[in-house]
PDB file of N, CA and C in Angstrom:
ATOM      1  N   MET A   1      -4.412 -19.255  -1.893  1.00  0.00           N
ATOM      2  CA  MET A   1      -3.140 -19.187  -1.084  1.00  0.00           C
ATOM      3  C   MET A   1      -3.139 -18.017  -0.323  1.00  0.00           C
ATOM      4  N   GLY A   2      -2.810 -17.995   0.800  1.00  0.00           N
ATOM      5  CA  GLY A   2      -2.798 -16.745   1.841  1.00  0.00           C
ATOM      6  C   GLY A   2      -1.596 -16.077   1.662  1.00  0.00           C
ATOM      7  N   LEU A   3      -1.416 -14.915   2.378  1.00  0.00           N
ATOM      8  CA  LEU A   3      -0.331 -14.267   2.232  1.00  0.00           C
ATOM      9  C   LEU A   3       0.471 -14.151   3.587  1.00  0.00           C
ATOM     10  N   GLU A   4       0.395 -15.449   4.225  1.00  0.00           N
ATOM     11  CA  GLU A   4       1.122 -15.594   5.565  1.00  0.00           C
ATOM     12  C   GLU A   4       2.628 -15.872   5.283  1.00  0.00           C
ATOM     13  N   HIS A   5       2.991 -16.526   4.378  1.00  0.00           N
ATOM     14  CA  HIS A   5       4.436 -16.971   4.104  1.00  0.00           C
ATOM     15  C   HIS A   5       4.751 -16.529   2.607  1.00  0.00           C
ATOM     16  N   GLY A   6       5.955 -16.265   2.417  1.00  0.00           N
ATOM     17  CA  GLY A   6       6.503 -16.035   1.046  1.00  0.00           C
ATOM     18  C   GLY A   6       6.812 -17.083   0.300  1.00  0.00           C
ATOM     19  N   THR A   7       7.201 -16.939  -0.783  1.00  0.00           N
ATOM     20  CA  THR A   7       7.442 -18.040  -1.774  1.00  0.00           C
ATOM     21  C   THR A   7       8.791 -18.762  -1.445  1.00  0.00           C
ATOM     22  N   GLU A   8       9.760 -18.252  -0.696  1.00  0.00           N
ATOM     23  CA  GLU A   8      10.910 -18.759  -0.238  1.00  0.00           C
ATOM     24  C   GLU A   8      10.731 -19.349   1.094  1.00  0.00           C
ATOM     25  N   PRO A   9      11.274 -20.605   1.318  1.00  0.00           N
ATOM     26  CA  PRO A   9      11.203 -21.191   2.655  1.00  0.00           C
ATOM     27  C   PRO A   9      11.847 -20.393   3.673  1.00  0.00           C
ATOM     28  N   GLY A  10      11.000 -20.244   4.741  1.00  0.00           N
ATOM     29  CA  GLY A  10      11.237 -19.308   6.009  1.00  0.00           C
ATOM     30  C   GLY A  10      11.139 -17.678   5.787  1.00  0.00           C
ATOM     31  N   SER A  11      10.628 -17.441   4.563  1.00  0.00           N
ATOM     32  CA  SER A  11      10.444 -15.949   4.451  1.00  0.00           C
ATOM     33  C   SER A  11       9.153 -15.476   4.833  1.00  0.00           C
ATOM     34  N   SER A  12       8.872 -14.343   5.102  1.00  0.00           N
ATOM     35  CA  SER A  12       7.388 -13.634   5.559  1.00  0.00           C
ATOM     36  C   SER A  12       7.112 -12.675   4.506  1.00  0.00           C
ATOM     37  N   HIS A  13       5.910 -12.601   4.258  1.00  0.00           N
ATOM     38  CA  HIS A  13       5.309 -11.407   3.584  1.00  0.00           C
ATOM     39  C   HIS A  13       5.567 -10.136   4.239  1.00  0.00           C
ATOM     40  N   VAL A  14       5.737  -9.077   3.399  1.00  0.00           N
ATOM     41  CA  VAL A  14       6.149  -7.790   3.979  1.00  0.00           C
ATOM     42  C   VAL A  14       5.023  -6.684   3.709  1.00  0.00           C
ATOM     43  N   LEU A  15       3.754  -7.134   3.736  1.00  0.00           N
ATOM     44  CA  LEU A  15       2.447  -6.381   3.664  1.00  0.00           C
ATOM     45  C   LEU A  15       2.432  -5.193   4.616  1.00  0.00           C
ATOM     46  N   ASP A  16       2.880  -5.600   5.643  1.00  0.00           N
ATOM     47  CA  ASP A  16       2.743  -4.559   6.927  1.00  0.00           C
ATOM     48  C   ASP A  16       3.777  -3.349   6.735  1.00  0.00           C
ATOM     49  N   ARG A  17       4.886  -3.645   5.774  1.00  0.00           N
ATOM     50  CA  ARG A  17       5.863  -2.611   5.557  1.00  0.00           C
ATOM     51  C   ARG A  17       5.707  -1.973   4.253  1.00  0.00           C
ATOM     52  N   LEU A  18       4.624  -2.303   3.473  1.00  0.00           N
ATOM     53  CA  LEU A  18       4.746  -1.556   2.127  1.00  0.00           C
ATOM     54  C   LEU A  18       4.415  -0.188   1.805  1.00  0.00           C
ATOM     55  N   ALA A  19       3.605   0.327   2.852  1.00  0.00           N
ATOM     56  CA  ALA A  19       3.181   1.693   2.837  1.00  0.00           C
ATOM     57  C   ALA A  19       4.446   2.319   3.074  1.00  0.00           C
ATOM     58  N   GLY A  20       5.227   2.190   4.334  1.00  0.00           N
ATOM     59  CA  GLY A  20       6.344   2.710   4.544  1.00  0.00           C
ATOM     60  C   GLY A  20       7.393   2.551   3.528  1.00  0.00           C
ATOM     61  N   TYR A  21       7.472   1.476   2.960  1.00  0.00           N
ATOM     62  CA  TYR A  21       8.604   1.424   1.826  1.00  0.00           C
ATOM     63  C   TYR A  21       8.129   2.338   0.638  1.00  0.00           C
ATOM     64  N   PHE A  22       6.741   2.223   0.320  1.00  0.00           N
ATOM     65  CA  PHE A  22       6.378   3.093  -0.746  1.00  0.00           C
ATOM     66  C   PHE A  22       6.720   4.665  -0.193  1.00  0.00           C
ATOM     67  N   SER A  23       6.411   5.122   0.865  1.00  0.00           N
ATOM     68  CA  SER A  23       6.632   6.523   1.116  1.00  0.00           C
ATOM     69  C   SER A  23       8.085   6.718   1.577  1.00  0.00           C
ATOM     70  N   GLY A  24       8.950   5.905   1.481  1.00  0.00           N
ATOM     71  CA  GLY A  24      10.398   6.115   1.841  1.00  0.00           C
ATOM     72  C   GLY A  24      10.624   6.310   3.500  1.00  0.00           C
ATOM     73  N   ALA A  25       9.779   5.950   4.112  1.00  0.00           N
ATOM     74  CA  ALA A  25       9.656   6.085   5.660  1.00  0.00           C
ATOM     75  C   ALA A  25      10.268   4.857   6.498  1.00  0.00           C
ATOM     76  N   LEU A  26      10.812   3.808   5.677  1.00  0.00           N
ATOM     77  CA  LEU A  26      11.273   2.661   6.476  1.00  0.00           C
ATOM     78  C   LEU A  26      12.818   2.945   6.653  1.00  0.00           C
ATOM     79  N   PRO A  27      13.559   2.443   7.763  1.00  0.00           N
ATOM     80  CA  PRO A  27      14.839   2.204   7.966  1.00  0.00           C
ATOM     81  C   PRO A  27      15.469   1.439   6.773  1.00  0.00           C
ATOM     82  N   VAL A  28      16.713   1.817   6.544  1.00  0.00           N
ATOM     83  CA  VAL A  28      17.508   0.960   5.383  1.00  0.00           C
ATOM     84  C   VAL A  28      17.442  -0.335   5.494  1.00  0.00           C
ATOM     85  N   GLU A  29      17.612  -0.823   6.880  1.00  0.00           N
ATOM     86  CA  GLU A  29      17.510  -2.331   6.749  1.00  0.00           C
ATOM     87  C   GLU A  29      16.226  -2.886   6.254  1.00  0.00           C
ATOM     88  N   ASP A  30      15.162  -2.371   6.852  1.00  0.00           N
ATOM     89  CA  ASP A  30      13.709  -2.668   6.406  1.00  0.00           C
ATOM     90  C   ASP A  30      13.542  -2.499   5.016  1.00  0.00           C
ATOM     91  N   GLU A  31      13.994  -1.375   4.475  1.00  0.00           N
ATOM     92  CA  GLU A  31      13.905  -1.052   2.897  1.00  0.00           C
ATOM     93  C   GLU A  31      14.409  -2.279   1.962  1.00  0.00           C
ATOM     94  N   GLN A  32      15.644  -2.638   2.657  1.00  0.00           N
ATOM     95  CA  GLN A  32      16.518  -3.625   1.872  1.00  0.00           C
ATOM     96  C   GLN A  32      15.717  -5.168   1.970  1.00  0.00           C
ATOM     97  N   THR A  33      15.117  -5.267   3.197  1.00  0.00           N
ATOM     98  CA  THR A  33      14.459  -6.630   3.301  1.00  0.00           C
ATOM     99  C   THR A  33      13.176  -6.470   2.251  1.00  0.00           C
ATOM    100  N   VAL A  34      12.464  -5.349   2.159  1.00  0.00           N
ATOM    101  CA  VAL A  34      11.166  -5.301   1.377  1.00  0.00           C
ATOM    102  C   VAL A  34      11.560  -5.530  -0.085  1.00  0.00           C
ATOM    103  N   GLU A  35      12.717  -4.865  -0.514  1.00  0.00           N
ATOM    104  CA  GLU A  35      13.101  -4.993  -1.914  1.00  0.00           C
ATOM    105  C   GLU A  35      13.508  -6.455  -2.323  1.00  0.00           C
ATOM    106  N   ALA A  36      14.308  -7.128  -1.332  1.00  0.00           N
ATOM    107  CA  ALA A  36      14.636  -8.442  -1.784  1.00  0.00           C
ATOM    108  C   ALA A  36      13.430  -9.322  -1.817  1.00  0.00           C
ATOM    109  N   HIS A  37      12.408  -9.103  -0.986  1.00  0.00           N
ATOM    110  CA  HIS A  37      11.062 -10.034  -0.887  1.00  0.00           C
ATOM    111  C   HIS A  37      10.449  -9.541  -2.213  1.00  0.00           C
ATOM    112  N   LEU A  38      10.302  -8.346  -2.726  1.00  0.00           N
ATOM    113  CA  LEU A  38       9.561  -8.014  -3.738  1.00  0.00           C
ATOM    114  C   LEU A  38       9.917  -8.696  -4.983  1.00  0.00           C
ATOM    115  N   LEU A  39      11.375  -8.873  -5.065  1.00  0.00           N
ATOM    116  CA  LEU A  39      12.027  -9.536  -6.358  1.00  0.00           C
ATOM    117  C   LEU A  39      11.610 -11.054  -6.345  1.00  0.00           C
ATOM    118  N   HIS A  40      11.054 -11.644  -5.215  1.00  0.00           N
ATOM    119  CA  HIS A  40      10.512 -13.180  -5.364  1.00  0.00           C
ATOM    120  C   HIS A  40       9.246 -13.399  -4.980  1.00  0.00           C
ATOM    121  N   CYS A  41       8.363 -12.523  -4.515  1.00  0.00           N
ATOM    122  CA  CYS A  41       7.106 -12.699  -4.351  1.00  0.00           C
ATOM    123  C   CYS A  41       6.057 -11.932  -5.196  1.00  0.00           C
ATOM    124  N   ALA A  42       5.309 -12.670  -5.934  1.00  0.00           N
ATOM    125  CA  ALA A  42       4.488 -11.906  -6.838  1.00  0.00           C
ATOM    126  C   ALA A  42       3.270 -11.327  -6.207  1.00  0.00           C
ATOM    127  N   ASP A  43       2.781 -11.897  -5.099  1.00  0.00           N
ATOM    128  CA  ASP A  43       1.738 -11.535  -4.278  1.00  0.00           C
ATOM    129  C   ASP A  43       1.889 -10.177  -3.597  1.00  0.00           C
ATOM    130  N   CYS A  44       3.148  -9.904  -3.010  1.00  0.00           N
ATOM    131  CA  CYS A  44       3.372  -8.723  -2.437  1.00  0.00           C
ATOM    132  C   CYS A  44       3.810  -7.563  -3.408  1.00  0.00           C
ATOM    133  N   ARG A  45       4.415  -8.092  -4.605  1.00  0.00           N
ATOM    134  CA  ARG A  45       4.706  -7.146  -5.774  1.00  0.00           C
ATOM    135  C   ARG A  45       3.257  -6.572  -6.112  1.00  0.00           C
ATOM    136  N   ALA A  46       2.282  -7.334  -6.274  1.00  0.00           N
ATOM    137  CA  ALA A  46       1.057  -7.083  -6.935  1.00  0.00           C
ATOM    138  C   ALA A  46       0.236  -5.976  -5.728  1.00  0.00           C
ATOM    139  N   GLU A  47       0.492  -6.311  -4.524  1.00  0.00           N
ATOM    140  CA  GLU A  47      -0.145  -5.431  -3.493  1.00  0.00           C
ATOM    141  C   GLU A  47       0.620  -4.070  -3.506  1.00  0.00           C
ATOM    142  N   TYR A  48       2.130  -4.109  -3.828  1.00  0.00           N
ATOM    143  CA  TYR A  48       2.878  -2.888  -3.960  1.00  0.00           C
ATOM    144  C   TYR A  48       2.482  -2.082  -5.196  1.00  0.00           C
ATOM    145  N   ASP A  49       2.125  -2.668  -6.352  1.00  0.00           N
ATOM    146  CA  ASP A  49       1.645  -1.960  -7.464  1.00  0.00           C
ATOM    147  C   ASP A  49       0.227  -1.346  -7.257  1.00  0.00           C
ATOM    148  N   ASP A  50      -0.628  -2.044  -6.479  1.00  0.00           N
ATOM    149  CA  ASP A  50      -1.877  -1.507  -6.131  1.00  0.00           C
ATOM    150  C   ASP A  50      -1.898  -0.455  -5.282  1.00  0.00           C
ATOM    151  N   LEU A  51      -0.931  -0.412  -4.473  1.00  0.00           N
ATOM    152  CA  LEU A  51      -0.590   0.768  -3.464  1.00  0.00           C
ATOM    153  C   LEU A  51      -0.309   2.033  -4.283  1.00  0.00           C
ATOM    154  N   GLY A  52       0.706   1.790  -5.395  1.00  0.00           N
ATOM    155  CA  GLY A  52       1.234   2.740  -6.212  1.00  0.00           C
ATOM    156  C   GLY A  52       0.029   3.361  -7.015  1.00  0.00           C
ATOM    157  N   SER A  53      -1.012   2.467  -7.425  1.00  0.00           N
ATOM    158  CA  SER A  53      -1.840   2.919  -8.189  1.00  0.00           C
ATOM    159  C   SER A  53      -2.792   3.761  -7.432  1.00  0.00           C
ATOM    160  N   ALA A  54      -3.240   3.500  -6.210  1.00  0.00           N
ATOM    161  CA  ALA A  54      -3.955   4.158  -5.221  1.00  0.00           C
ATOM    162  C   ALA A  54      -3.490   5.377  -5.040  1.00  0.00           C
ATOM    163  N   ALA A  55      -2.034   5.517  -4.869  1.00  0.00           N
ATOM    164  CA  ALA A  55      -1.352   6.831  -4.521  1.00  0.00           C
ATOM    165  C   ALA A  55      -1.421   7.758  -5.624  1.00  0.00           C
ATOM    166  N   LEU A  56      -1.437   7.159  -6.774  1.00  0.00           N
ATOM    167  CA  LEU A  56      -1.450   8.086  -8.022  1.00  0.00           C
ATOM    168  C   LEU A  56      -2.955   8.646  -8.319  1.00  0.00           C
ATOM    169  N   LEU A  57      -3.856   7.923  -7.722  1.00  0.00           N
ATOM    170  CA  LEU A  57      -5.302   8.317  -7.777  1.00  0.00           C
ATOM    171  C   LEU A  57      -5.539   9.453  -6.825  1.00  0.00           C
ATOM    172  N   VAL A  58      -5.018   9.282  -5.625  1.00  0.00           N
ATOM    173  CA  VAL A  58      -5.221  10.221  -4.694  1.00  0.00           C
ATOM    174  C   VAL A  58      -4.322  11.510  -4.970  1.00  0.00           C
ATOM    175  N   ALA A  59      -3.056  11.429  -5.666  1.00  0.00           N
ATOM    176  CA  ALA A  59      -2.399  12.590  -5.764  1.00  0.00           C
ATOM    177  C   ALA A  59      -2.942  13.407  -7.130  1.00  0.00           C
ATOM    178  N   SER A  60      -3.763  12.822  -7.825  1.00  0.00           N
ATOM    179  CA  SER A  60      -4.477  13.462  -8.938  1.00  0.00           C
ATOM    180  C   SER A  60      -5.664  14.242  -8.695  1.00  0.00           C
ATOM    181  N   LEU A  61      -6.047  13.990  -7.441  1.00  0.00           N
ATOM    182  CA  LEU A  61      -7.294  14.868  -6.915  1.00  0.00           C
ATOM    183  C   LEU A  61      -7.016  16.250  -6.806  1.00  0.00           C
ATOM    184  N   PRO A  62      -7.804  17.201  -7.050  1.00  0.00           N
ATOM    185  CA  PRO A  62      -7.673  18.447  -6.719  1.00  0.00           C
ATOM    186  C   PRO A  62      -7.519  18.806  -5.445  1.00  0.00           C
ATOM    187  N   VAL A  63      -6.573  19.857  -5.121  1.00  0.00           N
ATOM    188  CA  VAL A  63      -6.312  20.125  -3.801  1.00  0.00           C
ATOM    189  C   VAL A  63      -7.700  20.547  -2.915  1.00  0.00           C
ATOM    190  N   GLY A  64      -7.782  19.903  -1.687  1.00  0.00           N
ATOM    191  CA  GLY A  64      -8.843  20.208  -0.898  1.00  0.00           C
ATOM    192  C   GLY A  64      -9.843  19.169  -1.034  1.00  0.00           C
ATOM    193  N   VAL A  65     -10.187  18.373  -1.950  1.00  0.00           N
ATOM    194  CA  VAL A  65     -11.206  17.552  -2.242  1.00  0.00           C
ATOM    195  C   VAL A  65     -11.229  16.555  -1.061  1.00  0.00           C
ATOM    196  N   LEU A  66     -10.203  15.995  -0.488  1.00  0.00           N
ATOM    197  CA  LEU A  66     -10.492  15.132   0.535  1.00  0.00           C
ATOM    198  C   LEU A  66     -10.868  15.837   1.813  1.00  0.00           C
ATOM    199  N   ASP A  67     -10.565  17.239   2.016  1.00  0.00           N
ATOM    200  CA  ASP A  67     -11.109  17.932   3.278  1.00  0.00           C
ATOM    201  C   ASP A  67     -12.520  18.323   3.236  1.00  0.00           C
ATOM    202  N   GLU A  68     -13.190  18.241   1.992  1.00  0.00           N
ATOM    203  CA  GLU A  68     -14.519  18.550   1.769  1.00  0.00           C
ATOM    204  C   GLU A  68     -15.447  17.640   2.601  1.00  0.00           C
ATOM    205  N   PRO A  69     -16.525  17.902   3.430  1.00  0.00           N
ATOM    206  CA  PRO A  69     -17.441  17.016   4.019  1.00  0.00           C
ATOM    207  C   PRO A  69     -18.186  16.218   3.142  1.00  0.00           C
ATOM    208  N   ASP A  70     -18.624  15.209   3.441  1.00  0.00           N
ATOM    209  CA  ASP A  70     -19.587  14.184   2.508  1.00  0.00           C
ATOM    210  C   ASP A  70     -20.932  14.888   2.489  1.00  0.00           C
ATOM    211  N   ARG A  71     -21.316  15.442   1.288  1.00  0.00           N
ATOM    212  CA  ARG A  71     -22.544  16.135   1.067  1.00  0.00           C
ATOM    213  C   ARG A  71     -23.743  15.204   1.200  1.00  0.00           C
ATOM    214  N   ALA A  72     -23.727  13.982   1.021  1.00  0.00           N
ATOM    215  CA  ALA A  72     -24.572  13.149   1.214  1.00  0.00           C
ATOM    216  C   ALA A  72     -25.166  12.960   2.736  1.00  0.00           C
ATOM    217  N   ASP A  73     -24.240  13.134   3.556  1.00  0.00           N
ATOM    218  CA  ASP A  73     -24.757  13.187   5.155  1.00  0.00           C
ATOM    219  C   ASP A  73     -25.577  14.314   5.337  1.00  0.00           C
ATOM    220  N   ASP A  74     -25.533  15.533   4.476  1.00  0.00           N
ATOM    221  CA  ASP A  74     -26.462  16.712   4.821  1.00  0.00           C
ATOM    222  C   ASP A  74     -27.767  16.544   4.294  1.00  0.00           C
ATOM    223  N   GLU A  75     -27.923  15.475   3.363  1.00  0.00           N
ATOM    224  CA  GLU A  75     -29.427  15.246   2.833  1.00  0.00           C
ATOM    225  C   GLU A  75     -30.255  14.656   3.816  1.00  0.00           C
ATOM    226  N   PRO A  76     -31.589  15.102   3.886  1.00  0.00           N
ATOM    227  CA  PRO A  76     -32.521  14.283   4.730  1.00  0.00           C
ATOM    228  C   PRO A  76     -32.935  12.994   4.161  1.00  0.00           C
ATOM    229  N   ASP A  77     -32.845  12.094   5.053  1.00  0.00           N
ATOM    230  CA  ASP A  77     -33.270  10.495   4.731  1.00  0.00           C
ATOM    231  C   ASP A  77     -34.792  10.681   4.060  1.00  0.00           C
ATOM    232  N   GLY A  78     -35.021   9.916   3.011  1.00  0.00           N
ATOM    233  CA  GLY A  78     -36.241   9.889   2.710  1.00  0.00           C
ATOM    234  C   GLY A  78     -36.847   9.673   1.418  1.00  0.00           C
TER     235      GLY A  78
END
């Protein structure tokens, strides 16, 4: 099953708006659309849950970890 259409006739998935919804950056009308869709669509709800899990993991990292260069790039090949 693809994520092109929602479980309700005529509805569309809201995957392109989940990050904005999660961060609170959506306009109120879009936020309400996403909320209503998540009530009926297990696929989008699962994606939203995964987004929340990823955000918690990133938030648990020590400050500055994401700013450090990848040390593996500094090692010579071979």
